[in-house]
Amino acid sequence: MNENPGIRGQDTVLTKQQFDRIFSCLADLAAKLRLMAVLLVDGSGRILAQKIGGGWKDTRLEGLAALAAGSYSASNEIARLLGESARFRMVLHEGERRNLFVCSVTQDFHLAVVFESGTAVGMIRLFTKRAVEQLVPVLSERTAPDQDLGKMFDRNFETLLGEELDRSLTDGLSGDRGRS
């Protein structure tokens, strides 16, 4: 199975421990249900974590994630138009060979689950619900980007970056003068 050890999403900062717990949850879900893919996406469709199963050959996950988030947002507008007091909890797209199940983890995050049409939807709902129960506390621990970014770099980073930029600019300018 393919793994994505990186964290995506410009507005979300997770610690390594949080990401490890998220990835473990996604991997467990994918293994139990033999999923083709499971993605944790934010409301705009950016993938924060993913676990790809054995039968998945498609590499257009970013597009799938964006469309799944858009579909979920559209379904929430439908819920509002129908007079529902709350958002729909899940959206299911059934195909001939593959299905897509999208459910809310928190207001900001969704799980998108791709599975073969032979897999029982009830099992998908049950195990996805359990995964959501594990993910909610992890995602509620997330920190604001400005609180964690300083911890990602040591104290000398700004100085070293400034020196390197100065050196690059000086080298670039002196090289340009030689051509004139």
Protein backbone atom coordinates (compact mmCIF):
# COMPACT_ATOMS: atom_id res chain seq x y z
CA MET A 1 0.00 0.00 0.00
CA ASN A 2 1.15 3.50 -0.85
CA GLU A 3 1.69 5.98 1.98
CA ASN A 4 1.71 9.76 2.17
CA PRO A 5 3.91 10.78 5.09
CA GLY A 6 3.62 14.50 4.36
CA ILE A 7 1.07 16.98 5.56
CA ARG A 8 -0.71 19.04 2.98
CA GLY A 9 -2.84 22.11 3.37
CA GLN A 10 -1.64 25.66 3.68
CA ASP A 11 -3.86 26.62 6.60
CA THR A 12 -3.52 23.51 8.73
CA VAL A 13 -0.52 22.71 10.86
CA LEU A 14 -0.38 19.37 12.62
CA THR A 15 2.34 17.98 14.81
CA LYS A 16 4.11 14.79 13.79
CA GLN A 17 2.32 12.98 16.61
CA GLN A 18 -1.07 14.18 15.37
CA PHE A 19 -0.26 13.20 11.80
CA ASP A 20 0.96 9.76 12.92
CA ARG A 21 -2.33 9.18 14.77
CA ILE A 22 -4.33 10.36 11.76
CA PHE A 23 -2.35 8.20 9.36
CA SER A 24 -2.67 5.17 11.65
CA CYS A 25 -6.43 5.64 11.74
CA LEU A 26 -6.64 5.93 7.92
CA ALA A 27 -4.38 2.89 7.45
CA ASP A 28 -6.49 0.85 9.87
CA LEU A 29 -9.70 1.85 8.08
CA ALA A 30 -8.22 1.07 4.66
CA ALA A 31 -6.99 -2.36 5.81
CA LYS A 32 -10.22 -3.41 7.54
CA LEU A 33 -12.39 -2.56 4.54
CA ARG A 34 -9.85 -3.20 1.76
CA LEU A 35 -10.46 0.32 0.50
CA MET A 36 -9.09 1.63 -2.75
CA ALA A 37 -8.33 4.98 -1.11
CA VAL A 38 -9.17 7.00 1.98
CA LEU A 39 -8.42 10.72 2.16
CA LEU A 40 -8.65 13.27 4.93
CA VAL A 41 -9.46 16.55 3.20
CA ASP A 42 -10.21 20.06 4.34
CA GLY A 43 -13.27 22.03 3.24
CA SER A 44 -11.53 23.34 0.13
CA GLY A 45 -10.51 19.84 -0.95
CA ARG A 46 -6.83 19.89 0.01
CA ILE A 47 -5.56 16.48 1.06
CA LEU A 48 -4.07 16.44 4.55
CA ALA A 49 -3.45 12.68 4.71
CA GLN A 50 -4.16 9.71 2.50
CA LYS A 51 -3.89 5.94 2.40
CA ILE A 52 -4.02 4.26 -0.98
CA GLY A 53 -5.07 0.63 -1.32
CA GLY A 54 -3.80 -2.04 -3.65
CA GLY A 55 -6.32 -1.70 -6.49
CA TRP A 56 -5.94 2.02 -7.00
CA LYS A 57 -4.27 3.03 -10.24
CA ASP A 58 -5.52 6.59 -10.60
CA THR A 59 -3.12 9.37 -9.64
CA ARG A 60 -5.61 12.25 -9.79
CA LEU A 61 -6.34 12.29 -6.07
CA GLU A 62 -6.14 16.08 -5.75
CA GLY A 63 -8.96 16.47 -8.27
CA LEU A 64 -11.01 13.78 -6.59
CA ALA A 65 -10.52 15.41 -3.18
CA ALA A 66 -11.54 18.84 -4.48
CA LEU A 67 -14.65 17.46 -6.18
CA ALA A 68 -15.59 15.41 -3.10
CA ALA A 69 -15.34 18.51 -0.90
CA GLY A 70 -17.41 20.48 -3.40
CA SER A 71 -20.01 17.73 -3.55
CA TYR A 72 -20.23 17.67 0.24
CA SER A 73 -20.63 21.45 0.35
CA ALA A 74 -23.36 21.28 -2.31
CA SER A 75 -25.19 18.61 -0.32
CA ASN A 76 -25.16 20.89 2.70
CA GLU A 77 -26.81 23.62 0.66
CA ILE A 78 -29.43 21.08 -0.42
CA ALA A 79 -30.02 20.23 3.25
CA ARG A 80 -30.58 23.91 3.98
CA LEU A 81 -33.01 24.26 1.06
CA LEU A 82 -34.93 21.22 2.31
CA GLY A 83 -35.28 22.84 5.71
CA GLU A 84 -32.89 20.55 7.54
CA SER A 85 -31.67 22.10 10.77
CA ALA A 86 -28.24 20.47 10.39
CA ARG A 87 -25.96 19.55 7.54
CA PHE A 88 -26.13 16.12 5.95
CA ARG A 89 -23.64 13.85 7.70
CA MET A 90 -22.59 11.95 4.60
CA VAL A 91 -22.80 11.77 0.81
CA LEU A 92 -22.67 8.56 -1.20
CA HIS A 93 -21.91 8.38 -4.93
CA GLU A 94 -22.62 4.91 -6.28
CA GLY A 95 -21.02 3.77 -9.50
CA GLU A 96 -21.01 0.51 -11.41
CA ARG A 97 -17.50 -0.45 -10.27
CA ARG A 98 -16.52 2.10 -7.62
CA ASN A 99 -18.24 4.18 -4.99
CA LEU A 100 -17.31 7.36 -3.15
CA PHE A 101 -18.45 7.94 0.42
CA VAL A 102 -17.81 11.37 1.93
CA CYS A 103 -18.54 12.16 5.55
CA SER A 104 -17.89 15.02 7.92
CA VAL A 105 -15.20 14.61 10.55
CA THR A 106 -15.46 18.17 11.86
CA GLN A 107 -16.87 21.30 10.30
CA ASP A 108 -13.50 21.83 8.58
CA PHE A 109 -12.53 18.27 7.61
CA HIS A 110 -14.05 15.36 5.68
CA LEU A 111 -13.18 11.75 4.98
CA ALA A 112 -13.44 10.66 1.36
CA VAL A 113 -13.53 6.87 0.97
CA VAL A 114 -13.21 5.14 -2.42
CA PHE A 115 -14.30 1.50 -2.45
CA GLU A 116 -15.35 -1.29 -4.81
CA SER A 117 -19.08 -1.54 -5.49
CA GLY A 118 -19.17 -5.06 -3.97
CA THR A 119 -18.32 -3.73 -0.51
CA ALA A 120 -21.34 -3.35 1.77
CA VAL A 121 -22.19 0.32 2.31
CA GLY A 122 -23.28 -0.51 5.86
CA MET A 123 -19.77 -1.68 6.68
CA ILE A 124 -18.32 1.48 5.17
CA ARG A 125 -20.64 3.62 7.29
CA LEU A 126 -19.95 1.66 10.49
CA PHE A 127 -16.15 1.63 10.25
CA THR A 128 -15.99 5.19 8.93
CA LYS A 129 -18.06 6.35 11.91
CA ARG A 130 -15.56 4.67 14.23
CA ALA A 131 -12.67 6.33 12.40
CA VAL A 132 -14.36 9.73 12.72
CA GLU A 133 -14.71 9.16 16.48
CA GLN A 134 -10.93 8.61 16.62
CA LEU A 135 -10.08 11.58 14.38
CA VAL A 136 -12.20 14.25 16.08
CA PRO A 137 -10.05 14.50 19.23
CA VAL A 138 -6.84 14.53 17.17
CA LEU A 139 -8.06 17.31 14.89
CA SER A 140 -9.43 19.34 17.77
CA GLU A 141 -5.87 19.43 19.17
CA ARG A 142 -4.57 21.23 16.11
CA THR A 143 -2.70 24.43 16.71
CA ALA A 144 -2.76 27.71 14.89
CA PRO A 145 -0.07 27.96 12.20
CA ASP A 146 1.65 30.92 13.83
CA GLN A 147 2.07 29.00 17.10
CA ASP A 148 3.86 26.01 15.56
CA LEU A 149 5.83 27.46 12.66
CA GLY A 150 8.46 28.95 14.96
CA LYS A 151 9.18 25.49 16.35
CA MET A 152 9.89 24.14 12.87
CA PHE A 153 13.06 26.22 12.43
CA ASP A 154 15.99 26.77 14.72
CA ARG A 155 17.05 30.25 15.87
CA ASN A 156 19.71 30.61 13.20
CA PHE A 157 17.37 29.90 10.28
CA GLU A 158 16.49 33.55 9.63
CA THR A 159 20.14 34.62 9.80
CA LEU A 160 21.30 31.82 7.51
CA LEU A 161 18.49 32.48 5.05
CA GLY A 162 19.30 36.20 4.99
CA GLU A 163 22.99 35.53 4.40
CA GLU A 164 22.25 33.09 1.58
CA LEU A 165 19.83 35.52 -0.07
CA ASP A 166 22.40 38.32 0.18
CA ARG A 167 25.06 36.06 -1.32
CA SER A 168 22.74 34.99 -4.16
CA LEU A 169 21.75 38.55 -4.95
CA THR A 170 25.36 39.75 -4.83
CA ASP A 171 26.52 36.91 -7.08
CA GLY A 172 23.61 37.53 -9.46
CA LEU A 173 24.29 41.26 -9.69
CA SER A 174 28.02 40.84 -10.22
CA GLY A 175 27.34 38.29 -12.95
CA ASP A 176 24.95 40.71 -14.69
CA ARG A 177 27.52 43.51 -14.64
CA GLY A 178 30.04 41.36 -16.44
CA ARG A 179 27.64 40.91 -19.36
CA SER A 180 26.92 44.62 -19.91
